[in-house]
Amino acid sequence: MSLQYFALRLRQLREQAELSQEALARKADLSTGTVVKLERASKPKDPSWTTVLALAKALGVSLTEFAEPPTTPTPSKPSKPKRKKGGQS
């Protein structure tokens, strides 16, 4: 499983549990920064076993939930608004 796959699944499970990143971090006894980095797949290595166990417990899911494929894609970044023709409005 790639970090990107784990990141998408973690975000999906968190949203299904209706938790913010901050709330999940508190419940899992992790820093908010750790949850943010895991969801962005920006950590340079896989999460530790202890971290995955803490996340599963905080989310109220079994570990096998992380092995399920994400069912919803992560929304893309919003695009910049297009400039109106003719200068200022």
PDB file of N, CA and C in Angstrom:
ATOM      1  N   MET A   1       0.857  -1.178   0.000  1.00  0.00           N
ATOM      2  CA  MET A   1       0.000   0.000   0.000  1.00  0.00           C
ATOM      3  C   MET A   1       0.898   1.235   0.000  1.00  0.00           C
ATOM      4  N   SER A   2       0.610   2.160  -0.873  1.00  0.00           N
ATOM      5  CA  SER A   2       1.409   3.378  -0.957  1.00  0.00           C
ATOM      6  C   SER A   2       0.962   4.389   0.095  1.00  0.00           C
ATOM      7  N   LEU A   3       1.824   5.358   0.348  1.00  0.00           N
ATOM      8  CA  LEU A   3       1.470   6.423   1.283  1.00  0.00           C
ATOM      9  C   LEU A   3       0.262   7.205   0.791  1.00  0.00           C
ATOM     10  N   GLN A   4       0.188   7.419  -0.526  1.00  0.00           N
ATOM     11  CA  GLN A   4      -0.942   8.166  -1.087  1.00  0.00           C
ATOM     12  C   GLN A   4      -2.255   7.416  -0.846  1.00  0.00           C
ATOM     13  N   TYR A   5      -2.233   6.108  -1.023  1.00  0.00           N
ATOM     14  CA  TYR A   5      -3.403   5.269  -0.797  1.00  0.00           C
ATOM     15  C   TYR A   5      -3.827   5.369   0.666  1.00  0.00           C
ATOM     16  N   PHE A   6      -2.862   5.239   1.585  1.00  0.00           N
ATOM     17  CA  PHE A   6      -3.157   5.337   3.011  1.00  0.00           C
ATOM     18  C   PHE A   6      -3.721   6.712   3.332  1.00  0.00           C
ATOM     19  N   ALA A   7      -3.129   7.749   2.750  1.00  0.00           N
ATOM     20  CA  ALA A   7      -3.579   9.119   3.010  1.00  0.00           C
ATOM     21  C   ALA A   7      -5.035   9.321   2.604  1.00  0.00           C
ATOM     22  N   LEU A   8      -5.389   8.836   1.424  1.00  0.00           N
ATOM     23  CA  LEU A   8      -6.773   8.966   0.949  1.00  0.00           C
ATOM     24  C   LEU A   8      -7.740   8.208   1.850  1.00  0.00           C
ATOM     25  N   ARG A   9      -7.343   7.006   2.238  1.00  0.00           N
ATOM     26  CA  ARG A   9      -8.222   6.181   3.080  1.00  0.00           C
ATOM     27  C   ARG A   9      -8.384   6.800   4.468  1.00  0.00           C
ATOM     28  N   LEU A  10      -7.293   7.317   5.025  1.00  0.00           N
ATOM     29  CA  LEU A  10      -7.368   7.957   6.340  1.00  0.00           C
ATOM     30  C   LEU A  10      -8.321   9.148   6.296  1.00  0.00           C
ATOM     31  N   ARG A  11      -8.189   9.968   5.275  1.00  0.00           N
ATOM     32  CA  ARG A  11      -9.071  11.129   5.158  1.00  0.00           C
ATOM     33  C   ARG A  11     -10.532  10.694   5.043  1.00  0.00           C
ATOM     34  N   GLN A  12     -10.778   9.671   4.232  1.00  0.00           N
ATOM     35  CA  GLN A  12     -12.140   9.192   4.060  1.00  0.00           C
ATOM     36  C   GLN A  12     -12.711   8.678   5.381  1.00  0.00           C
ATOM     37  N   LEU A  13     -11.947   7.893   6.106  1.00  0.00           N
ATOM     38  CA  LEU A  13     -12.425   7.361   7.382  1.00  0.00           C
ATOM     39  C   LEU A  13     -12.659   8.477   8.395  1.00  0.00           C
ATOM     40  N   ARG A  14     -11.783   9.477   8.390  1.00  0.00           N
ATOM     41  CA  ARG A  14     -11.953  10.607   9.310  1.00  0.00           C
ATOM     42  C   ARG A  14     -13.226  11.375   8.990  1.00  0.00           C
ATOM     43  N   GLU A  15     -13.460  11.613   7.705  1.00  0.00           N
ATOM     44  CA  GLU A  15     -14.663  12.344   7.312  1.00  0.00           C
ATOM     45  C   GLU A  15     -15.924  11.536   7.607  1.00  0.00           C
ATOM     46  N   GLN A  16     -15.873  10.221   7.415  1.00  0.00           N
ATOM     47  CA  GLN A  16     -17.021   9.374   7.744  1.00  0.00           C
ATOM     48  C   GLN A  16     -17.326   9.428   9.237  1.00  0.00           C
ATOM     49  N   ALA A  17     -16.286   9.567  10.053  1.00  0.00           N
ATOM     50  CA  ALA A  17     -16.465   9.666  11.498  1.00  0.00           C
ATOM     51  C   ALA A  17     -16.850  11.085  11.924  1.00  0.00           C
ATOM     52  N   GLU A  18     -16.925  11.989  10.941  1.00  0.00           N
ATOM     53  CA  GLU A  18     -17.272  13.390  11.182  1.00  0.00           C
ATOM     54  C   GLU A  18     -16.343  14.034  12.206  1.00  0.00           C
ATOM     55  N   LEU A  19     -15.038  13.784  12.013  1.00  0.00           N
ATOM     56  CA  LEU A  19     -14.021  14.364  12.885  1.00  0.00           C
ATOM     57  C   LEU A  19     -13.159  15.325  12.089  1.00  0.00           C
ATOM     58  N   SER A  20     -12.763  16.401  12.726  1.00  0.00           N
ATOM     59  CA  SER A  20     -11.774  17.289  12.122  1.00  0.00           C
ATOM     60  C   SER A  20     -10.403  16.649  12.315  1.00  0.00           C
ATOM     61  N   GLN A  21      -9.418  17.172  11.640  1.00  0.00           N
ATOM     62  CA  GLN A  21      -8.059  16.663  11.837  1.00  0.00           C
ATOM     63  C   GLN A  21      -7.626  16.868  13.287  1.00  0.00           C
ATOM     64  N   GLU A  22      -8.004  17.988  13.860  1.00  0.00           N
ATOM     65  CA  GLU A  22      -7.650  18.293  15.246  1.00  0.00           C
ATOM     66  C   GLU A  22      -8.314  17.310  16.206  1.00  0.00           C
ATOM     67  N   ALA A  23      -9.596  17.025  15.978  1.00  0.00           N
ATOM     68  CA  ALA A  23     -10.321  16.104  16.849  1.00  0.00           C
ATOM     69  C   ALA A  23      -9.746  14.693  16.762  1.00  0.00           C
ATOM     70  N   LEU A  24      -9.420  14.255  15.552  1.00  0.00           N
ATOM     71  CA  LEU A  24      -8.816  12.930  15.391  1.00  0.00           C
ATOM     72  C   LEU A  24      -7.469  12.876  16.096  1.00  0.00           C
ATOM     73  N   ALA A  25      -6.683  13.911  15.952  1.00  0.00           N
ATOM     74  CA  ALA A  25      -5.379  13.954  16.612  1.00  0.00           C
ATOM     75  C   ALA A  25      -5.534  13.822  18.121  1.00  0.00           C
ATOM     76  N   ARG A  26      -6.481  14.555  18.694  1.00  0.00           N
ATOM     77  CA  ARG A  26      -6.709  14.469  20.150  1.00  0.00           C
ATOM     78  C   ARG A  26      -7.109  13.060  20.551  1.00  0.00           C
ATOM     79  N   LYS A  27      -8.073  12.466  19.815  1.00  0.00           N
ATOM     80  CA  LYS A  27      -8.556  11.125  20.153  1.00  0.00           C
ATOM     81  C   LYS A  27      -7.470  10.062  20.015  1.00  0.00           C
ATOM     82  N   ALA A  28      -6.561  10.259  19.063  1.00  0.00           N
ATOM     83  CA  ALA A  28      -5.500   9.277  18.819  1.00  0.00           C
ATOM     84  C   ALA A  28      -4.222   9.604  19.598  1.00  0.00           C
ATOM     85  N   ASP A  29      -4.249  10.684  20.366  1.00  0.00           N
ATOM     86  CA  ASP A  29      -3.084  11.137  21.127  1.00  0.00           C
ATOM     87  C   ASP A  29      -1.892  11.387  20.201  1.00  0.00           C
ATOM     88  N   LEU A  30      -2.181  12.070  19.095  1.00  0.00           N
ATOM     89  CA  LEU A  30      -1.163  12.454  18.124  1.00  0.00           C
ATOM     90  C   LEU A  30      -1.206  13.968  17.977  1.00  0.00           C
ATOM     91  N   SER A  31      -0.189  14.515  17.368  1.00  0.00           N
ATOM     92  CA  SER A  31      -0.233  15.953  17.086  1.00  0.00           C
ATOM     93  C   SER A  31      -1.092  16.179  15.841  1.00  0.00           C
ATOM     94  N   THR A  32      -1.686  17.349  15.765  1.00  0.00           N
ATOM     95  CA  THR A  32      -2.461  17.697  14.578  1.00  0.00           C
ATOM     96  C   THR A  32      -1.567  17.662  13.348  1.00  0.00           C
ATOM     97  N   GLY A  33      -0.330  18.108  13.498  1.00  0.00           N
ATOM     98  CA  GLY A  33       0.618  18.096  12.387  1.00  0.00           C
ATOM     99  C   GLY A  33       0.848  16.697  11.840  1.00  0.00           C
ATOM    100  N   THR A  34       0.867  15.705  12.713  1.00  0.00           N
ATOM    101  CA  THR A  34       1.048  14.323  12.259  1.00  0.00           C
ATOM    102  C   THR A  34      -0.125  13.888  11.401  1.00  0.00           C
ATOM    103  N   VAL A  35      -1.342  14.180  11.837  1.00  0.00           N
ATOM    104  CA  VAL A  35      -2.531  13.809  11.071  1.00  0.00           C
ATOM    105  C   VAL A  35      -2.527  14.534   9.723  1.00  0.00           C
ATOM    106  N   VAL A  36      -2.201  15.803   9.729  1.00  0.00           N
ATOM    107  CA  VAL A  36      -2.151  16.583   8.489  1.00  0.00           C
ATOM    108  C   VAL A  36      -1.134  15.961   7.531  1.00  0.00           C
ATOM    109  N   LYS A  37       0.051  15.658   8.022  1.00  0.00           N
ATOM    110  CA  LYS A  37       1.095  15.078   7.175  1.00  0.00           C
ATOM    111  C   LYS A  37       0.694  13.702   6.651  1.00  0.00           C
ATOM    112  N   LEU A  38       0.033  12.903   7.478  1.00  0.00           N
ATOM    113  CA  LEU A  38      -0.411  11.588   7.022  1.00  0.00           C
ATOM    114  C   LEU A  38      -1.460  11.712   5.924  1.00  0.00           C
ATOM    115  N   GLU A  39      -2.371  12.661   6.057  1.00  0.00           N
ATOM    116  CA  GLU A  39      -3.407  12.844   5.039  1.00  0.00           C
ATOM    117  C   GLU A  39      -2.854  13.454   3.757  1.00  0.00           C
ATOM    118  N   ARG A  40      -1.766  14.159   3.838  1.00  0.00           N
ATOM    119  CA  ARG A  40      -1.138  14.743   2.646  1.00  0.00           C
ATOM    120  C   ARG A  40      -0.084  13.814   2.057  1.00  0.00           C
ATOM    121  N   ALA A  41       0.169  12.697   2.742  1.00  0.00           N
ATOM    122  CA  ALA A  41       1.221  11.757   2.333  1.00  0.00           C
ATOM    123  C   ALA A  41       2.564  12.462   2.253  1.00  0.00           C
ATOM    124  N   SER A  42       2.793  13.413   3.158  1.00  0.00           N
ATOM    125  CA  SER A  42       4.031  14.177   3.107  1.00  0.00           C
ATOM    126  C   SER A  42       5.077  13.686   4.100  1.00  0.00           C
ATOM    127  N   LYS A  43       4.737  12.651   4.873  1.00  0.00           N
ATOM    128  CA  LYS A  43       5.758  12.074   5.748  1.00  0.00           C
ATOM    129  C   LYS A  43       6.675  11.221   4.874  1.00  0.00           C
ATOM    130  N   PRO A  44       7.975  11.242   5.151  1.00  0.00           N
ATOM    131  CA  PRO A  44       8.899  10.513   4.277  1.00  0.00           C
ATOM    132  C   PRO A  44       8.842   8.995   4.409  1.00  0.00           C
ATOM    133  N   LYS A  45       8.145   8.492   5.409  1.00  0.00           N
ATOM    134  CA  LYS A  45       8.076   7.042   5.583  1.00  0.00           C
ATOM    135  C   LYS A  45       6.666   6.634   5.981  1.00  0.00           C
ATOM    136  N   ASP A  46       6.424   5.337   5.964  1.00  0.00           N
ATOM    137  CA  ASP A  46       5.121   4.814   6.353  1.00  0.00           C
ATOM    138  C   ASP A  46       4.861   5.108   7.827  1.00  0.00           C
ATOM    139  N   PRO A  47       3.569   5.242   8.206  1.00  0.00           N
ATOM    140  CA  PRO A  47       3.267   5.462   9.623  1.00  0.00           C
ATOM    141  C   PRO A  47       3.648   4.229  10.440  1.00  0.00           C
ATOM    142  N   SER A  48       3.998   4.438  11.682  1.00  0.00           N
ATOM    143  CA  SER A  48       4.357   3.317  12.550  1.00  0.00           C
ATOM    144  C   SER A  48       3.116   2.495  12.881  1.00  0.00           C
ATOM    145  N   TRP A  49       3.351   1.278  13.289  1.00  0.00           N
ATOM    146  CA  TRP A  49       2.270   0.384  13.696  1.00  0.00           C
ATOM    147  C   TRP A  49       1.478   1.015  14.840  1.00  0.00           C
ATOM    148  N   THR A  50       2.178   1.613  15.789  1.00  0.00           N
ATOM    149  CA  THR A  50       1.527   2.258  16.932  1.00  0.00           C
ATOM    150  C   THR A  50       0.598   3.377  16.468  1.00  0.00           C
ATOM    151  N   THR A  51       1.039   4.138  15.488  1.00  0.00           N
ATOM    152  CA  THR A  51       0.227   5.235  14.959  1.00  0.00           C
ATOM    153  C   THR A  51      -1.024   4.698  14.264  1.00  0.00           C
ATOM    154  N   VAL A  52      -0.866   3.656  13.464  1.00  0.00           N
ATOM    155  CA  VAL A  52      -2.022   3.077  12.764  1.00  0.00           C
ATOM    156  C   VAL A  52      -3.013   2.502  13.776  1.00  0.00           C
ATOM    157  N   LEU A  53      -2.527   1.831  14.809  1.00  0.00           N
ATOM    158  CA  LEU A  53      -3.417   1.301  15.852  1.00  0.00           C
ATOM    159  C   LEU A  53      -4.178   2.428  16.546  1.00  0.00           C
ATOM    160  N   ALA A  54      -3.475   3.511  16.871  1.00  0.00           N
ATOM    161  CA  ALA A  54      -4.112   4.648  17.546  1.00  0.00           C
ATOM    162  C   ALA A  54      -5.177   5.286  16.652  1.00  0.00           C
ATOM    163  N   LEU A  55      -4.883   5.417  15.366  1.00  0.00           N
ATOM    164  CA  LEU A  55      -5.856   5.998  14.435  1.00  0.00           C
ATOM    165  C   LEU A  55      -7.091   5.111  14.313  1.00  0.00           C
ATOM    166  N   ALA A  56      -6.892   3.805  14.176  1.00  0.00           N
ATOM    167  CA  ALA A  56      -8.030   2.889  14.053  1.00  0.00           C
ATOM    168  C   ALA A  56      -8.910   2.959  15.296  1.00  0.00           C
ATOM    169  N   LYS A  57      -8.293   2.961  16.457  1.00  0.00           N
ATOM    170  CA  LYS A  57      -9.061   3.028  17.707  1.00  0.00           C
ATOM    171  C   LYS A  57      -9.827   4.347  17.802  1.00  0.00           C
ATOM    172  N   ALA A  58      -9.168   5.452  17.474  1.00  0.00           N
ATOM    173  CA  ALA A  58      -9.801   6.769  17.539  1.00  0.00           C
ATOM    174  C   ALA A  58     -10.951   6.889  16.548  1.00  0.00           C
ATOM    175  N   LEU A  59     -10.818   6.237  15.398  1.00  0.00           N
ATOM    176  CA  LEU A  59     -11.860   6.280  14.373  1.00  0.00           C
ATOM    177  C   LEU A  59     -12.961   5.256  14.617  1.00  0.00           C
ATOM    178  N   GLY A  60     -12.714   4.315  15.525  1.00  0.00           N
ATOM    179  CA  GLY A  60     -13.706   3.280  15.812  1.00  0.00           C
ATOM    180  C   GLY A  60     -13.840   2.273  14.691  1.00  0.00           C
ATOM    181  N   VAL A  61     -12.709   1.988  14.011  1.00  0.00           N
ATOM    182  CA  VAL A  61     -12.723   1.036  12.901  1.00  0.00           C
ATOM    183  C   VAL A  61     -11.694  -0.061  13.145  1.00  0.00           C
ATOM    184  N   SER A  62     -11.844  -1.151  12.419  1.00  0.00           N
ATOM    185  CA  SER A  62     -10.850  -2.215  12.497  1.00  0.00           C
ATOM    186  C   SER A  62      -9.665  -1.848  11.603  1.00  0.00           C
ATOM    187  N   LEU A  63      -8.558  -2.495  11.837  1.00  0.00           N
ATOM    188  CA  LEU A  63      -7.372  -2.239  11.024  1.00  0.00           C
ATOM    189  C   LEU A  63      -7.603  -2.575   9.561  1.00  0.00           C
ATOM    190  N   THR A  64      -8.479  -3.533   9.305  1.00  0.00           N
ATOM    191  CA  THR A  64      -8.730  -3.928   7.918  1.00  0.00           C
ATOM    192  C   THR A  64      -9.395  -2.808   7.113  1.00  0.00           C
ATOM    193  N   GLU A  65      -9.985  -1.840   7.780  1.00  0.00           N
ATOM    194  CA  GLU A  65     -10.590  -0.703   7.078  1.00  0.00           C
ATOM    195  C   GLU A  65      -9.545   0.081   6.284  1.00  0.00           C
ATOM    196  N   PHE A  66      -8.313   0.092   6.760  1.00  0.00           N
ATOM    197  CA  PHE A  66      -7.261   0.804   6.049  1.00  0.00           C
ATOM    198  C   PHE A  66      -6.837   0.060   4.788  1.00  0.00           C
ATOM    199  N   ALA A  67      -7.168  -1.224   4.699  1.00  0.00           N
ATOM    200  CA  ALA A  67      -6.818  -2.013   3.514  1.00  0.00           C
ATOM    201  C   ALA A  67      -7.865  -1.882   2.412  1.00  0.00           C
ATOM    202  N   GLU A  68      -9.032  -1.353   2.742  1.00  0.00           N
ATOM    203  CA  GLU A  68     -10.087  -1.149   1.751  1.00  0.00           C
ATOM    204  C   GLU A  68      -9.713   0.008   0.841  1.00  0.00           C
ATOM    205  N   PRO A  69     -10.029  -0.091  -0.436  1.00  0.00           N
ATOM    206  CA  PRO A  69      -9.699   1.019  -1.334  1.00  0.00           C
ATOM    207  C   PRO A  69     -10.558   2.243  -1.032  1.00  0.00           C
ATOM    208  N   PRO A  70      -9.993   3.429  -1.187  1.00  0.00           N
ATOM    209  CA  PRO A  70     -10.791   4.647  -1.009  1.00  0.00           C
ATOM    210  C   PRO A  70     -11.925   4.667  -2.033  1.00  0.00           C
ATOM    211  N   THR A  71     -13.102   5.098  -1.599  1.00  0.00           N
ATOM    212  CA  THR A  71     -14.246   5.113  -2.502  1.00  0.00           C
ATOM    213  C   THR A  71     -14.528   6.492  -3.072  1.00  0.00           C
ATOM    214  N   THR A  72     -13.952   7.508  -2.480  1.00  0.00           N
ATOM    215  CA  THR A  72     -14.169   8.855  -3.001  1.00  0.00           C
ATOM    216  C   THR A  72     -12.825   9.505  -3.253  1.00  0.00           C
ATOM    217  N   PRO A  73     -12.671  10.136  -4.390  1.00  0.00           N
ATOM    218  CA  PRO A  73     -11.403  10.814  -4.661  1.00  0.00           C
ATOM    219  C   PRO A  73     -11.270  12.068  -3.825  1.00  0.00           C
ATOM    220  N   THR A  74     -10.037  12.444  -3.565  1.00  0.00           N
ATOM    221  CA  THR A  74      -9.778  13.695  -2.868  1.00  0.00           C
ATOM    222  C   THR A  74     -10.063  14.837  -3.828  1.00  0.00           C
ATOM    223  N   PRO A  75     -10.845  15.826  -3.375  1.00  0.00           N
ATOM    224  CA  PRO A  75     -11.128  16.938  -4.289  1.00  0.00           C
ATOM    225  C   PRO A  75      -9.841  17.654  -4.657  1.00  0.00           C
ATOM    226  N   SER A  76      -9.801  18.122  -5.896  1.00  0.00           N
ATOM    227  CA  SER A  76      -8.615  18.847  -6.343  1.00  0.00           C
ATOM    228  C   SER A  76      -8.610  20.231  -5.717  1.00  0.00           C
ATOM    229  N   LYS A  77      -7.447  20.856  -5.772  1.00  0.00           N
ATOM    230  CA  LYS A  77      -7.340  22.212  -5.233  1.00  0.00           C
ATOM    231  C   LYS A  77      -8.223  23.142  -6.048  1.00  0.00           C
ATOM    232  N   PRO A  78      -8.866  24.101  -5.376  1.00  0.00           N
ATOM    233  CA  PRO A  78      -9.702  25.035  -6.140  1.00  0.00           C
ATOM    234  C   PRO A  78      -8.839  25.840  -7.102  1.00  0.00           C
ATOM    235  N   SER A  79      -9.380  26.078  -8.261  1.00  0.00           N
ATOM    236  CA  SER A  79      -8.639  26.861  -9.242  1.00  0.00           C
ATOM    237  C   SER A  79      -8.773  28.338  -8.924  1.00  0.00           C
ATOM    238  N   LYS A  80      -7.832  29.112  -9.451  1.00  0.00           N
ATOM    239  CA  LYS A  80      -7.891  30.556  -9.254  1.00  0.00           C
ATOM    240  C   LYS A  80      -9.052  31.099 -10.072  1.00  0.00           C
ATOM    241  N   PRO A  81      -9.748  32.105  -9.531  1.00  0.00           N
ATOM    242  CA  PRO A  81     -10.855  32.683 -10.311  1.00  0.00           C
ATOM    243  C   PRO A  81     -10.314  33.313 -11.591  1.00  0.00           C
ATOM    244  N   LYS A  82     -11.064  33.184 -12.653  1.00  0.00           N
ATOM    245  CA  LYS A  82     -10.674  33.758 -13.925  1.00  0.00           C
ATOM    246  C   LYS A  82     -10.895  35.267 -13.869  1.00  0.00           C
ATOM    247  N   ARG A  83      -9.967  35.981 -14.504  1.00  0.00           N
ATOM    248  CA  ARG A  83     -10.107  37.429 -14.591  1.00  0.00           C
ATOM    249  C   ARG A  83     -11.186  37.779 -15.602  1.00  0.00           C
ATOM    250  N   LYS A  84     -11.950  38.794 -15.279  1.00  0.00           N
ATOM    251  CA  LYS A  84     -12.959  39.257 -16.208  1.00  0.00           C
ATOM    252  C   LYS A  84     -12.282  40.022 -17.327  1.00  0.00           C
ATOM    253  N   LYS A  85     -12.797  39.874 -18.532  1.00  0.00           N
ATOM    254  CA  LYS A  85     -12.269  40.609 -19.661  1.00  0.00           C
ATOM    255  C   LYS A  85     -12.645  42.076 -19.520  1.00  0.00           C
ATOM    256  N   GLY A  86     -11.781  42.934 -19.991  1.00  0.00           N
ATOM    257  CA  GLY A  86     -12.098  44.349 -19.953  1.00  0.00           C
ATOM    258  C   GLY A  86     -11.527  45.048 -18.733  1.00  0.00           C
ATOM    259  N   GLY A  87     -10.643  44.386 -18.007  1.00  0.00           N
ATOM    260  CA  GLY A  87      -9.986  45.050 -16.888  1.00  0.00           C
ATOM    261  C   GLY A  87     -10.748  44.926 -15.591  1.00  0.00           C
ATOM    262  N   GLN A  88     -10.775  45.997 -14.821  1.00  0.00           N
ATOM    263  CA  GLN A  88     -11.389  45.997 -13.505  1.00  0.00           C
ATOM    264  C   GLN A  88     -12.901  46.014 -13.589  1.00  0.00           C
ATOM    265  N   SER A  89     -13.517  45.519 -12.543  1.00  0.00           N
ATOM    266  CA  SER A  89     -14.984  45.517 -12.543  1.00  0.00           C
ATOM    267  C   SER A  89     -15.531  46.464 -11.517  1.00  0.00           C
TER     268      SER A  89
END
